[in-house]
C-alpha cells in the first residue's frame, strides 16, 4: 500500500472508534437521560487491554 493510504486507513480506524464511543454516550445521556460516569472507565479499560495485547502478542488494533 502507498504510505498515504496506510495513514488514511489508520486515521479512519481511530475516527470510527471515537464515533462508536460518542454515539454510545449520546444514547445514554441524550435519549436515555442518564448520566454515566463509568463509560469512560470501560473505554479506558478496553483501550488498556488492547494496548497490552498489541505490545505483548503483536496484535494489530484492527483485531480488537
PDB file of N, CA and C in Angstrom:
ATOM      1  N   UNK A   1       0.832  -1.194   0.000  1.00  0.00           N
ATOM      2  CA  UNK A   1       0.000   0.000   0.000  1.00  0.00           C
ATOM      3  C   UNK A   1       0.871   1.250   0.000  1.00  0.00           C
ATOM      4  N   UNK A   2       0.316   2.272  -0.519  1.00  0.00           N
ATOM      5  CA  UNK A   2       1.014   3.547  -0.509  1.00  0.00           C
ATOM      6  C   UNK A   2       1.045   4.106   0.910  1.00  0.00           C
ATOM      7  N   UNK A   3       2.071   4.868   1.260  1.00  0.00           N
ATOM      8  CA  UNK A   3       2.150   5.422   2.621  1.00  0.00           C
ATOM      9  C   UNK A   3       0.955   6.300   2.979  1.00  0.00           C
ATOM     10  N   UNK A   4       0.451   7.052   2.020  1.00  0.00           N
ATOM     11  CA  UNK A   4      -0.697   7.914   2.313  1.00  0.00           C
ATOM     12  C   UNK A   4      -1.932   7.068   2.597  1.00  0.00           C
ATOM     13  N   UNK A   5      -2.098   5.978   1.876  1.00  0.00           N
ATOM     14  CA  UNK A   5      -3.248   5.103   2.096  1.00  0.00           C
ATOM     15  C   UNK A   5      -3.176   4.435   3.464  1.00  0.00           C
ATOM     16  N   UNK A   6      -1.991   4.082   3.913  1.00  0.00           N
ATOM     17  CA  UNK A   6      -1.847   3.471   5.242  1.00  0.00           C
ATOM     18  C   UNK A   6      -2.175   4.473   6.335  1.00  0.00           C
ATOM     19  N   UNK A   7      -1.731   5.707   6.173  1.00  0.00           N
ATOM     20  CA  UNK A   7      -2.034   6.741   7.161  1.00  0.00           C
ATOM     21  C   UNK A   7      -3.528   7.024   7.184  1.00  0.00           C
ATOM     22  N   UNK A   8      -4.139   7.086   6.009  1.00  0.00           N
ATOM     23  CA  UNK A   8      -5.575   7.331   5.929  1.00  0.00           C
ATOM     24  C   UNK A   8      -6.358   6.177   6.547  1.00  0.00           C
ATOM     25  N   UNK A   9      -5.924   4.962   6.320  1.00  0.00           N
ATOM     26  CA  UNK A   9      -6.573   3.798   6.918  1.00  0.00           C
ATOM     27  C   UNK A   9      -6.468   3.841   8.437  1.00  0.00           C
ATOM     28  N   UNK A  10      -5.301   4.163   8.937  1.00  0.00           N
ATOM     29  CA  UNK A  10      -5.075   4.286  10.376  1.00  0.00           C
ATOM     30  C   UNK A  10      -5.966   5.370  10.972  1.00  0.00           C
ATOM     31  N   UNK A  11      -6.034   6.507  10.305  1.00  0.00           N
ATOM     32  CA  UNK A  11      -6.840   7.624  10.786  1.00  0.00           C
ATOM     33  C   UNK A  11      -8.327   7.281  10.777  1.00  0.00           C
ATOM     34  N   UNK A  12      -8.795   6.625   9.739  1.00  0.00           N
ATOM     35  CA  UNK A  12     -10.209   6.262   9.656  1.00  0.00           C
ATOM     36  C   UNK A  12     -10.595   5.229  10.714  1.00  0.00           C
ATOM     37  N   UNK A  13      -9.682   4.342  11.071  1.00  0.00           N
ATOM     38  CA  UNK A  13      -9.967   3.392  12.144  1.00  0.00           C
ATOM     39  C   UNK A  13     -10.201   4.123  13.463  1.00  0.00           C
ATOM     40  N   UNK A  14      -9.331   5.073  13.769  1.00  0.00           N
ATOM     41  CA  UNK A  14      -9.484   5.797  15.024  1.00  0.00           C
ATOM     42  C   UNK A  14     -10.702   6.708  15.020  1.00  0.00           C
ATOM     43  N   UNK A  15     -11.014   7.305  13.900  1.00  0.00           N
ATOM     44  CA  UNK A  15     -12.231   8.113  13.818  1.00  0.00           C
ATOM     45  C   UNK A  15     -13.450   7.229  14.061  1.00  0.00           C
ATOM     46  N   UNK A  16     -13.456   6.044  13.478  1.00  0.00           N
ATOM     47  CA  UNK A  16     -14.564   5.112  13.690  1.00  0.00           C
ATOM     48  C   UNK A  16     -14.710   4.692  15.144  1.00  0.00           C
ATOM     49  N   UNK A  17     -13.588   4.445  15.810  1.00  0.00           N
ATOM     50  CA  UNK A  17     -13.648   4.072  17.224  1.00  0.00           C
ATOM     51  C   UNK A  17     -14.207   5.195  18.079  1.00  0.00           C
ATOM     52  N   UNK A  18     -13.764   6.420  17.835  1.00  0.00           N
ATOM     53  CA  UNK A  18     -14.275   7.551  18.603  1.00  0.00           C
ATOM     54  C   UNK A  18     -15.740   7.826  18.298  1.00  0.00           C
ATOM     55  N   UNK A  19     -16.174   7.580  17.078  1.00  0.00           N
ATOM     56  CA  UNK A  19     -17.590   7.747  16.735  1.00  0.00           C
ATOM     57  C   UNK A  19     -18.442   6.738  17.501  1.00  0.00           C
ATOM     58  N   UNK A  20     -17.974   5.513  17.619  1.00  0.00           N
ATOM     59  CA  UNK A  20     -18.716   4.499  18.371  1.00  0.00           C
ATOM     60  C   UNK A  20     -18.852   4.908  19.833  1.00  0.00           C
ATOM     61  N   UNK A  21     -17.782   5.405  20.430  1.00  0.00           N
ATOM     62  CA  UNK A  21     -17.829   5.855  21.822  1.00  0.00           C
ATOM     63  C   UNK A  21     -18.771   7.044  21.966  1.00  0.00           C
ATOM     64  N   UNK A  22     -18.702   7.989  21.043  1.00  0.00           N
ATOM     65  CA  UNK A  22     -19.552   9.176  21.121  1.00  0.00           C
ATOM     66  C   UNK A  22     -21.028   8.822  20.953  1.00  0.00           C
ATOM     67  N   UNK A  23     -21.341   7.909  20.056  1.00  0.00           N
ATOM     68  CA  UNK A  23     -22.739   7.511  19.868  1.00  0.00           C
ATOM     69  C   UNK A  23     -23.273   6.820  21.123  1.00  0.00           C
ATOM     70  N   UNK A  24     -22.459   5.997  21.751  1.00  0.00           N
ATOM     71  CA  UNK A  24     -22.876   5.363  22.998  1.00  0.00           C
ATOM     72  C   UNK A  24     -23.149   6.375  24.089  1.00  0.00           C
ATOM     73  N   UNK A  25     -22.316   7.395  24.177  1.00  0.00           N
ATOM     74  CA  UNK A  25     -22.524   8.434  25.185  1.00  0.00           C
ATOM     75  C   UNK A  25     -23.767   9.259  24.881  1.00  0.00           C
ATOM     76  N   UNK A  26     -24.009   9.562  23.620  1.00  0.00           N
ATOM     77  CA  UNK A  26     -25.204  10.319  23.239  1.00  0.00           C
ATOM     78  C   UNK A  26     -26.465   9.519  23.544  1.00  0.00           C
ATOM     79  N   UNK A  27     -26.438   8.228  23.281  1.00  0.00           N
ATOM     80  CA  UNK A  27     -27.607   7.404  23.579  1.00  0.00           C
ATOM     81  C   UNK A  27     -27.903   7.370  25.073  1.00  0.00           C
ATOM     82  N   UNK A  28     -26.869   7.307  25.898  1.00  0.00           N
ATOM     83  CA  UNK A  28     -27.092   7.278  27.345  1.00  0.00           C
ATOM     84  C   UNK A  28     -27.577   8.615  27.883  1.00  0.00           C
ATOM     85  N   UNK A  29     -26.909   9.687  27.520  1.00  0.00           N
ATOM     86  CA  UNK A  29     -27.227  10.983  28.113  1.00  0.00           C
ATOM     87  C   UNK A  29     -28.372  11.691  27.410  1.00  0.00           C
ATOM     88  N   UNK A  30     -28.443  11.584  26.098  1.00  0.00           N
ATOM     89  CA  UNK A  30     -29.471  12.310  25.360  1.00  0.00           C
ATOM     90  C   UNK A  30     -30.797  11.586  25.322  1.00  0.00           C
ATOM     91  N   UNK A  31     -30.804  10.381  24.824  1.00  0.00           N
ATOM     92  CA  UNK A  31     -32.046   9.629  24.659  1.00  0.00           C
ATOM     93  C   UNK A  31     -32.515   9.064  25.999  1.00  0.00           C
ATOM     94  N   UNK A  32     -31.595   8.476  26.730  1.00  0.00           N
ATOM     95  CA  UNK A  32     -31.960   7.848  27.994  1.00  0.00           C
ATOM     96  C   UNK A  32     -32.087   8.818  29.149  1.00  0.00           C
ATOM     97  N   UNK A  33     -31.428   9.959  29.062  1.00  0.00           N
ATOM     98  CA  UNK A  33     -31.489  10.951  30.131  1.00  0.00           C
ATOM     99  C   UNK A  33     -30.686  10.578  31.364  1.00  0.00           C
ATOM    100  N   UNK A  34     -29.765   9.631  31.232  1.00  0.00           N
ATOM    101  CA  UNK A  34     -28.962   9.203  32.372  1.00  0.00           C
ATOM    102  C   UNK A  34     -27.532   9.718  32.225  1.00  0.00           C
ATOM    103  N   UNK A  35     -26.910   9.973  33.343  1.00  0.00           N
ATOM    104  CA  UNK A  35     -25.504  10.353  33.338  1.00  0.00           C
ATOM    105  C   UNK A  35     -24.679   9.118  33.681  1.00  0.00           C
ATOM    106  N   UNK A  36     -23.725   8.794  32.835  1.00  0.00           N
ATOM    107  CA  UNK A  36     -22.914   7.602  33.039  1.00  0.00           C
ATOM    108  C   UNK A  36     -21.475   8.014  33.315  1.00  0.00           C
ATOM    109  N   UNK A  37     -21.040   7.785  34.539  1.00  0.00           N
ATOM    110  CA  UNK A  37     -19.660   8.088  34.886  1.00  0.00           C
ATOM    111  C   UNK A  37     -18.741   6.896  34.625  1.00  0.00           C
ATOM    112  N   UNK A  38     -19.315   5.730  34.452  1.00  0.00           N
ATOM    113  CA  UNK A  38     -18.479   4.547  34.277  1.00  0.00           C
ATOM    114  C   UNK A  38     -18.133   4.272  32.819  1.00  0.00           C
ATOM    115  N   UNK A  39     -18.769   4.973  31.877  1.00  0.00           N
ATOM    116  CA  UNK A  39     -18.484   4.694  30.469  1.00  0.00           C
ATOM    117  C   UNK A  39     -17.032   5.018  30.127  1.00  0.00           C
ATOM    118  N   UNK A  40     -16.509   6.098  30.676  1.00  0.00           N
ATOM    119  CA  UNK A  40     -15.107   6.437  30.427  1.00  0.00           C
ATOM    120  C   UNK A  40     -14.184   5.358  30.992  1.00  0.00           C
ATOM    121  N   UNK A  41     -14.559   4.783  32.120  1.00  0.00           N
ATOM    122  CA  UNK A  41     -13.748   3.716  32.702  1.00  0.00           C
ATOM    123  C   UNK A  41     -13.765   2.472  31.816  1.00  0.00           C
ATOM    124  N   UNK A  42     -14.917   2.142  31.248  1.00  0.00           N
ATOM    125  CA  UNK A  42     -14.996   0.981  30.359  1.00  0.00           C
ATOM    126  C   UNK A  42     -14.203   1.207  29.078  1.00  0.00           C
ATOM    127  N   UNK A  43     -14.256   2.414  28.537  1.00  0.00           N
ATOM    128  CA  UNK A  43     -13.478   2.729  27.335  1.00  0.00           C
ATOM    129  C   UNK A  43     -11.987   2.661  27.655  1.00  0.00           C
ATOM    130  N   UNK A  44     -11.603   3.203  28.801  1.00  0.00           N
ATOM    131  CA  UNK A  44     -10.201   3.144  29.213  1.00  0.00           C
ATOM    132  C   UNK A  44      -9.721   1.724  29.448  1.00  0.00           C
ATOM    133  N   UNK A  45     -10.570   0.896  30.029  1.00  0.00           N
ATOM    134  CA  UNK A  45     -10.208  -0.499  30.258  1.00  0.00           C
ATOM    135  C   UNK A  45     -10.027  -1.241  28.935  1.00  0.00           C
ATOM    136  N   UNK A  46     -10.912  -0.981  27.994  1.00  0.00           N
ATOM    137  CA  UNK A  46     -10.776  -1.597  26.672  1.00  0.00           C
ATOM    138  C   UNK A  46      -9.527  -1.126  25.948  1.00  0.00           C
ATOM    139  N   UNK A  47      -9.213   0.168  26.075  1.00  0.00           N
ATOM    140  CA  UNK A  47      -8.004   0.700  25.445  1.00  0.00           C
ATOM    141  C   UNK A  47      -6.753   0.100  26.079  1.00  0.00           C
ATOM    142  N   UNK A  48      -6.770  -0.053  27.405  1.00  0.00           N
ATOM    143  CA  UNK A  48      -5.626  -0.645  28.089  1.00  0.00           C
ATOM    144  C   UNK A  48      -5.439  -2.105  27.677  1.00  0.00           C
ATOM    145  N   UNK A  49      -6.535  -2.851  27.608  1.00  0.00           N
ATOM    146  CA  UNK A  49      -6.443  -4.261  27.220  1.00  0.00           C
ATOM    147  C   UNK A  49      -5.942  -4.404  25.788  1.00  0.00           C
ATOM    148  N   UNK A  50      -6.411  -3.532  24.896  1.00  0.00           N
ATOM    149  CA  UNK A  50      -5.956  -3.580  23.510  1.00  0.00           C
ATOM    150  C   UNK A  50      -4.476  -3.244  23.408  1.00  0.00           C
ATOM    151  N   UNK A  51      -4.033  -2.221  24.140  1.00  0.00           N
ATOM    152  CA  UNK A  51      -2.621  -1.849  24.118  1.00  0.00           C
ATOM    153  C   UNK A  51      -1.755  -2.961  24.708  1.00  0.00           C
ATOM    154  N   UNK A  52      -2.229  -3.587  25.774  1.00  0.00           N
ATOM    155  CA  UNK A  52      -1.484  -4.682  26.388  1.00  0.00           C
ATOM    156  C   UNK A  52      -1.337  -5.854  25.422  1.00  0.00           C
ATOM    157  N   UNK A  53      -2.438  -6.236  24.782  1.00  0.00           N
ATOM    158  CA  UNK A  53      -2.379  -7.352  23.842  1.00  0.00           C
ATOM    159  C   UNK A  53      -1.537  -7.019  22.618  1.00  0.00           C
ATOM    160  N   UNK A  54      -1.592  -5.773  22.174  1.00  0.00           N
ATOM    161  CA  UNK A  54      -0.813  -5.382  20.998  1.00  0.00           C
ATOM    162  C   UNK A  54       0.681  -5.403  21.293  1.00  0.00           C
ATOM    163  N   UNK A  55       1.076  -4.959  22.482  1.00  0.00           N
ATOM    164  CA  UNK A  55       2.500  -4.950  22.808  1.00  0.00           C
ATOM    165  C   UNK A  55       2.992  -6.332  23.231  1.00  0.00           C
ATOM    166  N   UNK A  56       2.145  -7.098  23.867  1.00  0.00           N
ATOM    167  CA  UNK A  56       2.564  -8.405  24.368  1.00  0.00           C
ATOM    168  C   UNK A  56       2.572  -9.475  23.274  1.00  0.00           C
ATOM    169  N   UNK A  57       1.531  -9.485  22.457  1.00  0.00           N
ATOM    170  CA  UNK A  57       1.375 -10.559  21.477  1.00  0.00           C
ATOM    171  C   UNK A  57       1.464 -10.085  20.034  1.00  0.00           C
ATOM    172  N   UNK A  58       1.681  -8.814  19.816  1.00  0.00           N
ATOM    173  CA  UNK A  58       1.855  -8.305  18.466  1.00  0.00           C
ATOM    174  C   UNK A  58       0.573  -8.210  17.664  1.00  0.00           C
ATOM    175  N   UNK A  59      -0.551  -8.095  18.335  1.00  0.00           N
ATOM    176  CA  UNK A  59      -1.831  -7.987  17.641  1.00  0.00           C
ATOM    177  C   UNK A  59      -2.008  -6.572  17.108  1.00  0.00           C
ATOM    178  N   UNK A  60      -2.682  -6.444  15.973  1.00  0.00           N
ATOM    179  CA  UNK A  60      -2.933  -5.112  15.435  1.00  0.00           C
ATOM    180  C   UNK A  60      -4.200  -4.539  16.066  1.00  0.00           C
ATOM    181  N   UNK A  61      -4.375  -3.235  15.970  1.00  0.00           N
ATOM    182  CA  UNK A  61      -5.529  -2.591  16.587  1.00  0.00           C
ATOM    183  C   UNK A  61      -6.825  -2.945  15.879  1.00  0.00           C
ATOM    184  N   UNK A  62      -6.767  -3.395  14.662  1.00  0.00           N
ATOM    185  CA  UNK A  62      -7.966  -3.765  13.933  1.00  0.00           C
ATOM    186  C   UNK A  62      -8.595  -5.061  14.408  1.00  0.00           C
ATOM    187  N   UNK A  63      -7.815  -5.912  15.057  1.00  0.00           N
ATOM    188  CA  UNK A  63      -8.354  -7.191  15.517  1.00  0.00           C
ATOM    189  C   UNK A  63      -9.119  -7.060  16.820  1.00  0.00           C
ATOM    190  N   UNK A  64      -9.027  -5.924  17.460  1.00  0.00           N
ATOM    191  CA  UNK A  64      -9.752  -5.731  18.711  1.00  0.00           C
ATOM    192  C   UNK A  64     -11.195  -5.471  18.400  1.00  0.00           C
TER     193      UNK A  64
END
